[in-house]
N, C-alpha and C. Protein backbone atom coordinates (compact mmCIF):
# COMPACT_ATOMS: atom_id res chain seq x y z
N MET A 1 0.87 -1.12 0.06
CA MET A 1 0.01 0.05 0.10
C MET A 1 0.91 1.29 -0.03
N PRO A 2 0.97 2.12 -1.04
CA PRO A 2 1.82 3.28 -1.08
C PRO A 2 1.48 4.29 -0.04
N THR A 3 2.61 4.90 0.57
CA THR A 3 2.47 5.87 1.52
C THR A 3 2.36 7.15 0.69
N LEU A 4 1.27 8.02 0.91
CA LEU A 4 1.14 9.25 0.19
C LEU A 4 1.66 10.44 0.94
N ALA A 5 1.61 10.35 2.33
CA ALA A 5 2.01 11.52 3.15
C ALA A 5 2.25 11.05 4.58
N ARG A 6 2.98 11.77 5.37
CA ARG A 6 3.28 11.57 6.81
C ARG A 6 3.17 12.97 7.41
N PHE A 7 2.38 13.10 8.48
CA PHE A 7 2.44 14.27 9.23
C PHE A 7 1.87 14.12 10.70
N TYR A 8 2.58 14.68 11.61
CA TYR A 8 2.21 14.67 13.13
C TYR A 8 1.91 13.25 13.55
N GLY A 9 2.67 12.25 13.01
CA GLY A 9 2.47 10.90 13.42
C GLY A 9 1.46 10.16 12.69
N ILE A 10 0.83 10.78 11.75
CA ILE A 10 -0.09 10.19 10.92
C ILE A 10 0.41 9.68 9.69
N VAL A 11 0.04 8.53 9.18
CA VAL A 11 0.45 7.90 7.86
C VAL A 11 -0.71 7.71 7.05
N ILE A 12 -0.65 8.37 5.79
CA ILE A 12 -1.73 8.38 4.84
C ILE A 12 -1.32 7.28 3.75
N ARG A 13 -2.07 6.35 3.42
CA ARG A 13 -1.92 5.31 2.42
C ARG A 13 -3.11 5.22 1.55
N MET A 14 -2.87 4.56 0.35
CA MET A 14 -4.02 4.30 -0.48
C MET A 14 -3.71 3.04 -1.33
N TYR A 15 -4.70 2.23 -1.52
CA TYR A 15 -4.48 1.26 -2.46
C TYR A 15 -5.83 0.94 -3.21
N PHE A 16 -5.82 0.22 -4.28
CA PHE A 16 -6.95 0.07 -5.21
C PHE A 16 -6.97 -1.43 -5.60
N LEU A 17 -8.13 -2.12 -5.21
CA LEU A 17 -8.16 -3.46 -5.66
C LEU A 17 -9.65 -3.79 -6.22
N GLY A 18 -9.95 -2.98 -7.14
CA GLY A 18 -11.25 -3.22 -7.75
C GLY A 18 -12.43 -2.72 -6.95
N SER A 19 -13.59 -3.29 -7.35
CA SER A 19 -14.86 -2.83 -6.73
C SER A 19 -15.02 -3.07 -5.23
N GLU A 20 -14.29 -4.11 -4.69
CA GLU A 20 -14.44 -4.31 -3.30
C GLU A 20 -13.86 -3.22 -2.51
N HIS A 21 -13.19 -2.20 -3.12
CA HIS A 21 -12.55 -1.09 -2.38
C HIS A 21 -13.25 0.22 -2.65
N ASN A 22 -14.47 0.28 -3.21
CA ASN A 22 -15.14 1.58 -3.55
C ASN A 22 -15.99 1.79 -2.10
N PRO A 23 -16.24 3.05 -1.89
CA PRO A 23 -15.88 4.33 -2.70
C PRO A 23 -14.49 4.71 -2.54
N PRO A 24 -13.99 5.74 -3.32
CA PRO A 24 -12.64 6.11 -3.19
C PRO A 24 -12.30 6.56 -1.76
N HIS A 25 -11.21 6.07 -1.17
CA HIS A 25 -10.93 6.28 0.18
C HIS A 25 -9.42 6.30 0.39
N ILE A 26 -8.98 6.76 1.55
CA ILE A 26 -7.54 6.63 1.95
C ILE A 26 -7.63 5.76 3.23
N HIS A 27 -6.45 5.43 3.68
CA HIS A 27 -6.19 4.78 4.95
C HIS A 27 -5.37 5.60 5.83
N ALA A 28 -5.72 5.96 6.97
CA ALA A 28 -4.95 6.80 7.90
C ALA A 28 -4.63 5.93 9.05
N ILE A 29 -3.27 5.94 9.45
CA ILE A 29 -2.86 5.10 10.55
C ILE A 29 -2.21 6.17 11.46
N TYR A 30 -2.56 5.89 12.74
CA TYR A 30 -2.06 6.94 13.91
C TYR A 30 -1.91 6.00 15.08
N GLY A 31 -0.64 5.66 15.33
CA GLY A 31 -0.23 4.77 16.39
C GLY A 31 -0.97 3.43 16.06
N GLU A 32 -1.76 2.99 17.05
CA GLU A 32 -2.50 1.72 16.86
C GLU A 32 -3.87 1.83 16.29
N ASP A 33 -4.22 2.97 15.95
CA ASP A 33 -5.44 3.40 15.48
C ASP A 33 -5.42 3.45 13.87
N THR A 34 -6.39 2.87 13.17
CA THR A 34 -6.51 2.94 11.77
C THR A 34 -7.96 3.17 11.38
N ALA A 35 -8.04 4.00 10.19
CA ALA A 35 -9.38 4.25 9.73
C ALA A 35 -9.23 4.33 8.17
N ALA A 36 -10.34 3.85 7.53
CA ALA A 36 -10.59 4.09 6.16
C ALA A 36 -11.47 5.28 5.89
N ILE A 37 -11.07 6.23 5.22
CA ILE A 37 -11.91 7.41 5.17
C ILE A 37 -12.16 7.92 3.77
N ASP A 38 -13.43 8.15 3.46
CA ASP A 38 -13.99 8.50 2.18
C ASP A 38 -13.42 9.81 1.68
N ILE A 39 -12.82 9.75 0.54
CA ILE A 39 -12.21 11.01 0.00
C ILE A 39 -13.25 12.13 -0.20
N LYS A 40 -14.40 11.83 -0.73
CA LYS A 40 -15.42 12.80 -1.09
C LYS A 40 -16.11 13.43 0.07
N THR A 41 -16.40 12.59 1.07
CA THR A 41 -17.19 13.08 2.30
C THR A 41 -16.43 13.20 3.60
N GLY A 42 -15.22 12.64 3.64
CA GLY A 42 -14.44 12.68 4.81
C GLY A 42 -15.05 11.75 5.94
N GLN A 43 -16.05 10.92 5.63
CA GLN A 43 -16.52 10.06 6.66
C GLN A 43 -15.79 8.78 6.90
N ILE A 44 -15.67 8.31 8.07
CA ILE A 44 -14.98 7.09 8.35
C ILE A 44 -15.81 5.85 7.76
N LEU A 45 -15.15 5.12 6.87
CA LEU A 45 -15.89 3.92 6.35
C LEU A 45 -15.62 2.67 7.20
N ASP A 46 -14.47 2.68 7.86
CA ASP A 46 -14.10 1.51 8.73
C ASP A 46 -13.06 1.98 9.65
N GLY A 47 -12.97 1.46 10.86
CA GLY A 47 -11.87 1.76 11.88
C GLY A 47 -12.34 2.97 12.67
N ASP A 48 -11.27 3.50 13.23
CA ASP A 48 -11.46 4.73 14.20
C ASP A 48 -10.18 5.40 14.38
N LEU A 49 -10.30 6.72 14.57
CA LEU A 49 -9.10 7.60 14.82
C LEU A 49 -9.54 8.49 16.00
N PRO A 50 -8.56 8.97 16.80
CA PRO A 50 -8.92 9.97 17.79
C PRO A 50 -9.41 11.24 17.08
N ASN A 51 -10.18 11.99 17.74
CA ASN A 51 -10.84 13.24 17.08
C ASN A 51 -9.82 14.16 16.49
N ARG A 52 -8.77 14.52 17.24
CA ARG A 52 -7.79 15.40 16.80
C ARG A 52 -7.15 14.92 15.55
N ALA A 53 -6.72 13.65 15.51
CA ALA A 53 -6.05 13.02 14.27
C ALA A 53 -7.06 13.05 13.15
N LEU A 54 -8.35 12.65 13.34
CA LEU A 54 -9.33 12.67 12.31
C LEU A 54 -9.49 13.96 11.73
N SER A 55 -9.49 15.03 12.55
CA SER A 55 -9.64 16.42 12.10
C SER A 55 -8.57 16.81 11.20
N MET A 56 -7.32 16.47 11.48
CA MET A 56 -6.18 16.75 10.69
C MET A 56 -6.30 16.01 9.32
N VAL A 57 -6.67 14.75 9.43
CA VAL A 57 -6.80 14.04 8.14
C VAL A 57 -7.87 14.54 7.19
N ARG A 58 -8.97 15.01 7.82
CA ARG A 58 -9.91 15.62 7.00
C ARG A 58 -9.53 17.01 6.39
N GLU A 59 -8.70 17.70 7.16
CA GLU A 59 -8.10 18.94 6.63
C GLU A 59 -7.13 18.66 5.34
N TRP A 60 -6.37 17.56 5.58
CA TRP A 60 -5.36 17.20 4.62
C TRP A 60 -6.15 16.68 3.32
N ILE A 61 -7.16 15.90 3.63
CA ILE A 61 -8.05 15.43 2.31
C ILE A 61 -8.63 16.57 1.61
N SER A 62 -9.16 17.56 2.33
CA SER A 62 -9.65 18.70 1.69
C SER A 62 -8.73 19.51 0.73
N LEU A 63 -7.41 19.59 1.27
CA LEU A 63 -6.43 20.17 0.50
C LEU A 63 -5.88 19.48 -0.73
N HIS A 64 -6.12 18.14 -0.81
CA HIS A 64 -5.63 17.35 -1.83
C HIS A 64 -6.72 16.46 -2.53
N GLN A 65 -8.02 16.75 -2.33
CA GLN A 65 -9.11 16.05 -2.84
C GLN A 65 -9.03 15.71 -4.37
N ASP A 66 -8.74 16.60 -5.15
CA ASP A 66 -8.64 16.48 -6.56
C ASP A 66 -7.57 15.42 -6.92
N GLU A 67 -6.35 15.65 -6.31
CA GLU A 67 -5.19 14.87 -6.60
C GLU A 67 -5.54 13.38 -6.11
N LEU A 68 -6.20 13.25 -4.97
CA LEU A 68 -6.51 11.95 -4.46
C LEU A 68 -7.43 11.21 -5.40
N LEU A 69 -8.55 11.88 -5.83
CA LEU A 69 -9.46 11.25 -6.74
C LEU A 69 -8.83 10.93 -8.05
N THR A 70 -7.92 11.71 -8.56
CA THR A 70 -7.19 11.41 -9.73
C THR A 70 -6.33 10.07 -9.57
N MET A 71 -5.65 9.99 -8.39
CA MET A 71 -4.93 8.78 -8.09
C MET A 71 -5.73 7.59 -7.97
N TRP A 72 -6.84 7.69 -7.34
CA TRP A 72 -7.81 6.68 -7.29
C TRP A 72 -8.20 6.13 -8.64
N GLU A 73 -8.52 7.06 -9.59
CA GLU A 73 -8.96 6.64 -10.94
C GLU A 73 -7.82 6.15 -11.68
N THR A 74 -6.54 6.70 -11.63
CA THR A 74 -5.52 6.27 -12.55
C THR A 74 -4.64 5.17 -12.03
N GLN A 75 -4.64 4.98 -10.63
CA GLN A 75 -3.71 4.18 -9.94
C GLN A 75 -2.28 4.50 -10.10
N GLU A 76 -2.02 5.80 -10.30
CA GLU A 76 -0.68 6.40 -10.37
C GLU A 76 -0.53 7.08 -9.08
N PHE A 77 0.15 6.51 -8.17
CA PHE A 77 0.35 7.11 -6.85
C PHE A 77 1.61 7.81 -6.77
N LYS A 78 1.49 9.00 -5.89
CA LYS A 78 2.59 9.81 -5.68
C LYS A 78 2.58 10.43 -4.35
N LYS A 79 3.72 11.06 -3.80
CA LYS A 79 3.84 11.58 -2.55
C LYS A 79 3.08 12.89 -2.64
N LEU A 80 2.40 13.38 -1.54
CA LEU A 80 1.77 14.55 -1.57
C LEU A 80 2.18 15.37 -0.33
N ALA A 81 2.09 16.71 -0.35
CA ALA A 81 2.56 17.55 0.63
C ALA A 81 1.90 17.12 1.94
N SER A 82 2.63 17.36 3.09
CA SER A 82 2.18 17.00 4.41
C SER A 82 1.31 18.30 4.87
N LEU A 83 0.67 18.03 5.95
CA LEU A 83 -0.18 19.16 6.56
C LEU A 83 0.79 19.85 7.47
N GLU A 84 0.81 21.06 7.27
CA GLU A 84 1.86 21.91 8.09
C GLU A 84 1.11 23.16 8.74
């Protein structure tokens, strides 16, 4: 699973394995907590994150939403800027 960004102890990853992985989402890992988060809505699809980490991930998604959706469609993954 490619790592797209790291910030404040949060690792953002994405992978695509056909229809079983729709809707478009990223995986956020923070310590022992993990969550799959919908790129379009920011809603948690699976898992859990502490509120502060989830807020930062949602802010990061909003900054990179177009790039993330393009990556989801093309499966051409690249590193994205961290949240600063």
